[in-house]
Amino acid sequence: MCYHASVAATLEQLSNHYQKPFLGEFPSFFSPTNLVGYHLSGFNFPLLPIISQEQPNAFSFANWGLIPSWIKFREEAESIRLNTLNAKIETLLEKPSFKQAVVSQRCLIPLTGFFEWKQINSKEKQPYFIHLQNSSIFSVAGISENWINPENQQMVRTFSIITTEANGLMSEIHNTKKQMPFILSNEAEQLWLNQTINATEILNEINLIEEEKMQAYKISKLISSKVSNVPQVLLPFIESQTKLF
């Protein structure tokens, strides 16, 4: 799955990479030179920049954790989004929470990498950072929804990251559930946002990214601390070696 991501880039860098502007006002805690986040946990429902089918030529902002538009109550919205951080591609066209969004609310979520844990034994897991070798910024496929909060009538835009079957590299790391985010090539980005092609056709046309284009390395347990949104969380973990004399 993908519950922990990194967008170690500023809004300005994202805009330059995709050649798309940010329209409207920035949220109060963002500015063009703000770095989005070294470690972003989906369980905190962070606000992230996305590119949507509704507005394919510009960036907008959405909270991670999809709330379907048909949800009626705030309590129900808060509960369901814990289960919609990811949308498995295998059931994307079947689940009520996702099947409408994938038709006309597809989106791109820019990342610089993501985090996953390898199960070492029954008690130990090793965290890894995974990224692309030749691109500092890349897109994963997502779906978004616009939900109206009935308590104040404000619109809340939310999204879910689509996951797919792990490739060889990710099968070694995510060795329990064997899933990974649905990473898109530059060509696939355009397909994913294309409003004239239906979702089934697109899903059949887009191939899983080759593991040769990805790179992964061990990181420290800092990612599990309360102060994990810092540059040090991305540093490779150096295992200590005992010298024998």
Protein backbone atom coordinates (compact mmCIF):
# COMPACT_ATOMS: atom_id res chain seq x y z
CA MET A 1 0.00 0.00 0.00
CA CYS A 2 1.09 3.65 0.18
CA TYR A 3 0.36 5.50 3.41
CA HIS A 4 3.60 7.48 3.70
CA ALA A 5 4.92 9.78 0.98
CA SER A 6 7.49 12.49 0.36
CA VAL A 7 7.15 15.70 -1.62
CA ALA A 8 10.59 17.16 -0.96
CA ALA A 9 10.04 19.95 -3.49
CA THR A 10 8.68 23.48 -3.32
CA LEU A 11 5.47 24.58 -5.02
CA GLU A 12 7.66 26.60 -7.37
CA GLN A 13 9.65 23.47 -8.34
CA LEU A 14 6.45 21.50 -8.93
CA SER A 15 5.08 24.27 -11.12
CA ASN A 16 8.29 24.36 -13.17
CA HIS A 17 8.44 20.57 -13.50
CA TYR A 18 4.90 20.18 -14.82
CA GLN A 19 4.81 23.57 -16.55
CA LYS A 20 1.52 24.32 -14.81
CA PRO A 21 0.66 27.25 -12.53
CA PHE A 22 -1.00 27.32 -9.14
CA LEU A 23 -4.23 29.26 -9.55
CA GLY A 24 -5.99 31.19 -6.82
CA GLU A 25 -4.73 31.83 -3.31
CA PHE A 26 -2.35 29.49 -1.56
CA PRO A 27 -3.49 27.95 1.73
CA SER A 28 -2.28 30.12 4.62
CA PHE A 29 0.62 27.81 5.52
CA PHE A 30 1.95 27.52 1.93
CA SER A 31 4.00 29.87 -0.21
CA PRO A 32 5.72 29.28 -3.59
CA THR A 33 9.03 28.64 -1.84
CA ASN A 34 7.59 26.28 0.79
CA LEU A 35 8.75 22.70 0.62
CA VAL A 36 5.66 20.50 0.79
CA GLY A 37 7.00 17.81 3.14
CA TYR A 38 9.85 15.34 3.68
CA HIS A 39 7.54 12.78 5.29
CA LEU A 40 3.77 12.99 4.92
CA SER A 41 1.59 10.42 6.66
CA GLY A 42 -1.78 9.78 5.07
CA PHE A 43 -3.22 9.18 8.53
CA ASN A 44 -2.82 12.93 9.18
CA PHE A 45 -4.86 13.68 6.01
CA PRO A 46 -2.34 16.28 4.76
CA LEU A 47 -3.22 18.92 2.19
CA LEU A 48 -1.22 18.27 -1.01
CA PRO A 49 -1.01 19.76 -4.50
CA ILE A 50 -2.71 17.70 -7.22
CA ILE A 51 -3.56 18.04 -10.92
CA SER A 52 -7.15 17.02 -11.61
CA GLN A 53 -9.31 16.19 -14.63
CA GLU A 54 -11.49 19.14 -13.69
CA GLN A 55 -8.53 21.51 -13.90
CA PRO A 56 -5.83 19.70 -15.92
CA ASN A 57 -3.82 22.81 -16.76
CA ALA A 58 -3.17 23.99 -13.22
CA PHE A 59 -2.50 22.80 -9.68
CA SER A 60 -5.11 22.73 -6.94
CA PHE A 61 -5.00 21.41 -3.37
CA ALA A 62 -6.71 18.39 -1.82
CA ASN A 63 -6.57 16.44 1.42
CA TRP A 64 -5.31 12.85 1.38
CA GLY A 65 -8.13 10.48 2.34
CA LEU A 66 -11.02 10.42 -0.12
CA ILE A 67 -14.53 11.35 1.05
CA PRO A 68 -17.14 10.27 -1.54
CA SER A 69 -19.55 13.05 -2.53
CA TRP A 70 -22.55 11.01 -1.32
CA ILE A 71 -21.41 10.91 2.32
CA LYS A 72 -24.01 12.81 4.39
CA PHE A 73 -22.53 13.28 7.84
CA ARG A 74 -19.19 14.59 9.16
CA GLU A 75 -18.73 11.63 11.47
CA GLU A 76 -19.20 9.26 8.54
CA ALA A 77 -16.72 11.30 6.47
CA GLU A 78 -14.09 11.14 9.21
CA SER A 79 -14.54 7.39 9.52
CA ILE A 80 -14.49 6.44 5.85
CA ARG A 81 -11.37 8.40 4.91
CA LEU A 82 -9.22 6.13 7.08
CA ASN A 83 -10.09 3.38 4.59
CA THR A 84 -9.71 5.44 1.43
CA LEU A 85 -6.09 6.60 1.64
CA ASN A 86 -5.47 4.01 -1.10
CA ALA A 87 -7.67 2.55 -3.82
CA LYS A 88 -6.57 -0.85 -5.11
CA ILE A 89 -6.61 -0.92 -8.90
CA GLU A 90 -8.02 -4.45 -8.88
CA THR A 91 -11.32 -3.27 -7.35
CA LEU A 92 -11.30 0.36 -8.48
CA LEU A 93 -14.30 -0.02 -10.80
CA GLU A 94 -16.34 -2.00 -8.30
CA LYS A 95 -16.16 -0.30 -4.89
CA PRO A 96 -18.88 2.33 -4.25
CA SER A 97 -16.32 4.73 -2.76
CA PHE A 98 -14.25 4.79 -5.96
CA LYS A 99 -16.24 3.75 -9.04
CA GLN A 100 -17.72 7.20 -9.74
CA ALA A 101 -14.50 9.10 -9.13
CA VAL A 102 -12.47 6.96 -11.52
CA VAL A 103 -14.84 7.87 -14.36
CA SER A 104 -14.39 11.64 -14.25
CA GLN A 105 -12.33 12.64 -11.20
CA ARG A 106 -8.93 11.14 -11.97
CA CYS A 107 -5.90 13.11 -10.81
CA LEU A 108 -2.12 13.17 -10.61
CA ILE A 109 -0.36 13.32 -7.26
CA PRO A 110 3.23 14.59 -7.56
CA LEU A 111 5.74 12.86 -5.28
CA THR A 112 9.49 12.77 -4.88
CA GLY A 113 9.32 9.34 -3.25
CA PHE A 114 7.43 7.14 -0.83
CA PHE A 115 8.13 4.95 2.20
CA GLU A 116 7.51 1.29 2.81
CA TRP A 117 8.43 -1.29 5.46
CA LYS A 118 9.94 -4.72 4.86
CA GLN A 119 8.91 -7.46 7.28
CA ILE A 120 12.17 -8.94 8.61
CA ASN A 121 10.62 -11.28 11.17
CA SER A 122 7.53 -11.41 13.38
CA LYS A 123 8.78 -8.48 15.47
CA GLU A 124 10.99 -6.39 13.20
CA LYS A 125 10.38 -4.20 10.17
CA GLN A 126 12.95 -2.23 8.14
CA PRO A 127 11.80 1.08 6.60
CA TYR A 128 12.83 1.97 3.04
CA PHE A 129 12.66 5.09 0.90
CA ILE A 130 11.73 4.46 -2.74
CA HIS A 131 12.10 6.91 -5.62
CA LEU A 132 12.75 7.07 -9.36
CA GLN A 133 16.35 7.00 -10.57
CA ASN A 134 16.17 9.62 -13.31
CA SER A 135 13.43 11.95 -12.13
CA SER A 136 13.35 13.83 -8.85
CA ILE A 137 9.59 14.41 -9.23
CA PHE A 138 7.09 11.89 -10.58
CA SER A 139 3.33 11.31 -10.63
CA VAL A 140 1.23 8.60 -9.08
CA ALA A 141 -2.32 7.99 -10.26
CA GLY A 142 -5.14 9.11 -8.01
CA ILE A 143 -8.83 9.84 -7.85
CA SER A 144 -10.42 12.85 -6.18
CA GLU A 145 -13.83 13.90 -4.90
CA ASN A 146 -15.52 17.13 -3.89
CA TRP A 147 -17.52 16.71 -0.69
CA ILE A 148 -19.81 19.34 0.83
CA ASN A 149 -19.60 19.52 4.61
CA PRO A 150 -23.26 19.71 5.72
CA GLU A 151 -22.35 21.60 8.89
CA ASN A 152 -20.93 24.68 7.13
CA GLN A 153 -21.61 24.02 3.42
CA GLN A 154 -17.91 24.29 2.63
CA MET A 155 -16.48 22.16 -0.15
CA VAL A 156 -13.67 19.78 0.81
CA ARG A 157 -11.56 18.29 -2.00
CA THR A 158 -9.99 14.95 -1.15
CA PHE A 159 -8.04 12.24 -2.97
CA SER A 160 -6.93 8.63 -2.82
CA ILE A 161 -3.68 7.15 -4.18
CA ILE A 162 -4.23 4.20 -6.49
CA THR A 163 -2.13 1.13 -5.76
CA THR A 164 -1.33 -1.83 -7.96
CA GLU A 165 0.48 -5.16 -7.84
CA ALA A 166 4.10 -4.74 -6.74
CA ASN A 167 6.87 -5.17 -9.29
CA GLY A 168 9.97 -7.24 -8.50
CA LEU A 169 11.69 -4.55 -6.43
CA MET A 170 8.61 -3.69 -4.40
CA SER A 171 7.72 -7.36 -3.86
CA GLU A 172 11.04 -7.72 -2.04
CA ILE A 173 10.37 -4.68 0.14
CA HIS A 174 6.61 -4.76 0.66
CA ASN A 175 6.80 -8.49 1.17
CA THR A 176 3.48 -8.94 2.97
CA LYS A 177 0.75 -7.23 0.93
CA LYS A 178 2.91 -6.77 -2.19
CA GLN A 179 1.31 -3.56 -3.42
CA MET A 180 2.81 -0.27 -4.62
CA PRO A 181 1.56 3.13 -5.79
CA PHE A 182 0.52 3.25 -9.44
CA ILE A 183 3.45 5.29 -10.82
CA LEU A 184 2.80 6.97 -14.18
CA SER A 185 5.22 7.71 -17.01
CA ASN A 186 5.03 11.13 -18.69
CA GLU A 187 2.92 9.63 -21.49
CA ALA A 188 0.64 7.86 -19.03
CA GLU A 189 0.03 11.13 -17.16
CA GLN A 190 -1.73 12.52 -20.22
CA LEU A 191 -3.77 9.34 -20.65
CA TRP A 192 -4.86 9.36 -17.02
CA LEU A 193 -6.26 12.90 -17.30
CA ASN A 194 -7.83 12.37 -20.73
CA GLN A 195 -11.59 12.91 -20.44
CA THR A 196 -12.38 11.29 -23.78
CA ILE A 197 -11.06 7.82 -22.85
CA ASN A 198 -12.96 5.69 -20.36
CA ALA A 199 -11.31 4.32 -17.24
CA THR A 200 -11.33 0.68 -18.36
CA GLU A 201 -9.44 1.50 -21.57
CA ILE A 202 -6.88 3.56 -19.68
CA LEU A 203 -6.26 0.90 -17.06
CA ASN A 204 -5.69 -1.64 -19.83
CA GLU A 205 -3.26 0.63 -21.68
CA ILE A 206 -1.02 1.76 -18.83
CA ASN A 207 1.77 -0.64 -17.92
CA LEU A 208 3.39 -1.16 -14.55
CA ILE A 209 6.61 0.84 -14.25
CA GLU A 210 9.79 -1.16 -14.75
CA GLU A 211 11.70 -1.85 -11.56
CA GLU A 212 14.94 -0.78 -13.33
CA LYS A 213 13.65 2.81 -13.21
CA MET A 214 13.22 2.69 -9.43
CA GLN A 215 15.68 2.82 -6.58
CA ALA A 216 15.27 1.98 -2.90
CA TYR A 217 17.44 2.20 0.19
CA LYS A 218 17.12 1.58 3.90
CA ILE A 219 16.37 4.51 6.18
CA SER A 220 16.42 4.86 9.96
CA LYS A 221 13.58 4.41 12.45
CA LEU A 222 13.32 8.22 12.62
CA ILE A 223 10.34 7.88 10.28
CA SER A 224 8.34 6.34 13.13
CA SER A 225 9.02 9.24 15.51
CA LYS A 226 6.90 12.33 16.13
CA VAL A 227 9.51 14.55 14.43
CA SER A 228 9.79 12.66 11.14
CA ASN A 229 9.01 15.55 8.76
CA VAL A 230 12.67 16.61 8.62
CA PRO A 231 15.43 16.26 5.97
CA GLN A 232 17.19 13.57 8.02
CA VAL A 233 14.31 11.13 7.46
CA LEU A 234 15.54 10.68 3.87
CA LEU A 235 19.13 9.82 4.79
CA PRO A 236 20.34 6.26 4.06
CA PHE A 237 20.62 4.08 7.14
CA ILE A 238 24.21 3.03 7.86
CA GLU A 239 24.28 -0.23 9.75
CA SER A 240 26.88 -0.30 12.51
CA GLN A 241 29.58 -2.91 12.18
CA THR A 242 31.42 -4.46 15.10
CA LYS A 243 35.18 -4.59 14.56
CA LEU A 244 37.04 -7.67 15.65
CA PHE A 245 40.64 -7.35 16.87
